[in-house]
C-alpha atoms as a PDB file:
ATOM      1  CA  UNK A   1    -117.569  15.411 -30.918  1.00  0.00           C
ATOM      2  CA  UNK A   2    -115.406  15.600 -27.811  1.00  0.00           C
ATOM      3  CA  UNK A   3    -114.369  19.157 -28.626  1.00  0.00           C
ATOM      4  CA  UNK A   4    -118.035  20.112 -29.024  1.00  0.00           C
ATOM      5  CA  UNK A   5    -118.867  18.479 -25.679  1.00  0.00           C
ATOM      6  CA  UNK A   6    -116.335  20.858 -24.092  1.00  0.00           C
ATOM      7  CA  UNK A   7    -115.868  18.876 -20.893  1.00  0.00           C
ATOM      8  CA  UNK A   8    -119.564  18.181 -20.364  1.00  0.00           C
ATOM      9  CA  UNK A   9    -119.033  14.403 -20.268  1.00  0.00           C
ATOM     10  CA  UNK A  10    -117.463  12.523 -17.369  1.00  0.00           C
ATOM     11  CA  UNK A  11    -113.979  11.222 -18.076  1.00  0.00           C
ATOM     12  CA  UNK A  12    -115.174   7.616 -17.845  1.00  0.00           C
ATOM     13  CA  UNK A  13    -118.043   7.469 -20.294  1.00  0.00           C
ATOM     14  CA  UNK A  14    -118.721   5.361 -23.339  1.00  0.00           C
ATOM     15  CA  UNK A  15    -119.909   7.177 -26.444  1.00  0.00           C
ATOM     16  CA  UNK A  16    -121.375   5.135 -29.278  1.00  0.00           C
ATOM     17  CA  UNK A  17    -120.957   6.683 -32.725  1.00  0.00           C
ATOM     18  CA  UNK A  18    -122.024   5.569 -36.160  1.00  0.00           C
ATOM     19  CA  UNK A  19    -121.983   6.582 -39.790  1.00  0.00           C
ATOM     20  CA  UNK A  20    -124.932   8.432 -41.293  1.00  0.00           C
ATOM     21  CA  UNK A  21    -126.354   7.622 -44.723  1.00  0.00           C
ATOM     22  CA  UNK A  22    -124.582  10.749 -45.962  1.00  0.00           C
ATOM     23  CA  UNK A  23    -121.189   9.436 -44.797  1.00  0.00           C
ATOM     24  CA  UNK A  24    -120.828  11.664 -41.744  1.00  0.00           C
ATOM     25  CA  UNK A  25    -120.551  10.662 -38.102  1.00  0.00           C
ATOM     26  CA  UNK A  26    -123.319  10.863 -35.516  1.00  0.00           C
ATOM     27  CA  UNK A  27    -123.463  10.199 -31.798  1.00  0.00           C
ATOM     28  CA  UNK A  28    -125.894   7.370 -31.104  1.00  0.00           C
ATOM     29  CA  UNK A  29    -125.787   7.499 -27.307  1.00  0.00           C
ATOM     30  CA  UNK A  30    -123.544   8.101 -24.317  1.00  0.00           C
ATOM     31  CA  UNK A  31    -123.554   5.687 -21.383  1.00  0.00           C
ATOM     32  CA  UNK A  32    -121.835   5.163 -18.057  1.00  0.00           C
ATOM     33  CA  UNK A  33    -118.736   2.999 -18.379  1.00  0.00           C
ATOM     34  CA  UNK A  34    -120.285   0.002 -16.605  1.00  0.00           C
ATOM     35  CA  UNK A  35    -123.048  -0.139 -19.231  1.00  0.00           C
ATOM     36  CA  UNK A  36    -120.622  -0.672 -22.061  1.00  0.00           C
ATOM     37  CA  UNK A  37    -120.014  -3.886 -23.882  1.00  0.00           C
ATOM     38  CA  UNK A  38    -116.384  -4.057 -24.903  1.00  0.00           C
ATOM     39  CA  UNK A  39    -117.192  -4.878 -28.527  1.00  0.00           C
ATOM     40  CA  UNK A  40    -114.004  -4.832 -30.620  1.00  0.00           C
ATOM     41  CA  UNK A  41    -112.168  -3.049 -27.791  1.00  0.00           C
ATOM     42  CA  UNK A  42    -108.997  -3.785 -25.898  1.00  0.00           C
ATOM     43  CA  UNK A  43    -110.277  -5.506 -22.711  1.00  0.00           C
ATOM     44  CA  UNK A  44    -107.553  -3.932 -20.559  1.00  0.00           C
ATOM     45  CA  UNK A  45    -108.600  -0.434 -21.664  1.00  0.00           C
ATOM     46  CA  UNK A  46    -112.266  -1.264 -21.003  1.00  0.00           C
ATOM     47  CA  UNK A  47    -111.320  -2.355 -17.492  1.00  0.00           C
ATOM     48  CA  UNK A  48    -109.361   0.897 -16.978  1.00  0.00           C
ATOM     49  CA  UNK A  49    -112.443   2.944 -17.849  1.00  0.00           C
ATOM     50  CA  UNK A  50    -114.796   0.910 -15.651  1.00  0.00           C
ATOM     51  CA  UNK A  51    -112.401   1.121 -12.696  1.00  0.00           C
ATOM     52  CA  UNK A  52    -112.053   4.874 -13.181  1.00  0.00           C
ATOM     53  CA  UNK A  53    -115.833   5.237 -13.184  1.00  0.00           C
ATOM     54  CA  UNK A  54    -116.266   3.125 -10.059  1.00  0.00           C
ATOM     55  CA  UNK A  55    -113.272   4.378  -8.081  1.00  0.00           C
ATOM     56  CA  UNK A  56    -113.409   6.201  -4.768  1.00  0.00           C
ATOM     57  CA  UNK A  57    -114.625   9.802  -4.760  1.00  0.00           C
ATOM     58  CA  UNK A  58    -111.266  10.884  -3.306  1.00  0.00           C
ATOM     59  CA  UNK A  59    -109.608   9.846  -6.588  1.00  0.00           C
ATOM     60  CA  UNK A  60    -112.100  11.686  -8.810  1.00  0.00           C
ATOM     61  CA  UNK A  61    -110.992  14.703 -10.767  1.00  0.00           C
ATOM     62  CA  UNK A  62    -112.764  18.021 -10.084  1.00  0.00           C
ATOM     63  CA  UNK A  63    -114.359  17.787 -13.554  1.00  0.00           C
ATOM     64  CA  UNK A  64    -115.921  14.428 -12.636  1.00  0.00           C
ATOM     65  CA  UNK A  65    -117.417  15.470  -9.292  1.00  0.00           C
ATOM     66  CA  UNK A  66    -120.665  16.859 -10.802  1.00  0.00           C
ATOM     67  CA  UNK A  67    -121.359  13.319 -12.072  1.00  0.00           C
ATOM     68  CA  UNK A  68    -120.666  11.587  -8.737  1.00  0.00           C
ATOM     69  CA  UNK A  69    -123.473  10.415  -6.534  1.00  0.00           C
ATOM     70  CA  UNK A  70    -123.726   9.007  -3.044  1.00  0.00           C
ATOM     71  CA  UNK A  71    -124.101   5.237  -2.857  1.00  0.00           C
ATOM     72  CA  UNK A  72    -127.591   4.087  -1.937  1.00  0.00           C
ATOM     73  CA  UNK A  73    -128.017   1.258   0.554  1.00  0.00           C
END
């Protein structure tokens, strides 16, 4: 799935996948990191992803900049 996405997802995203009735895999949804529930995940890794998603723009990679937005007040 990640190869097919070819860099079109931000580096800090959560992708939910599941098994189809035929035994294959399917993407259920993709969400921003802060919308994830860390079900059956390593909490430290979940925190890494959330912090990456919420970090300062100056620390964003060029590939992530199209997904950045200006904070609203």
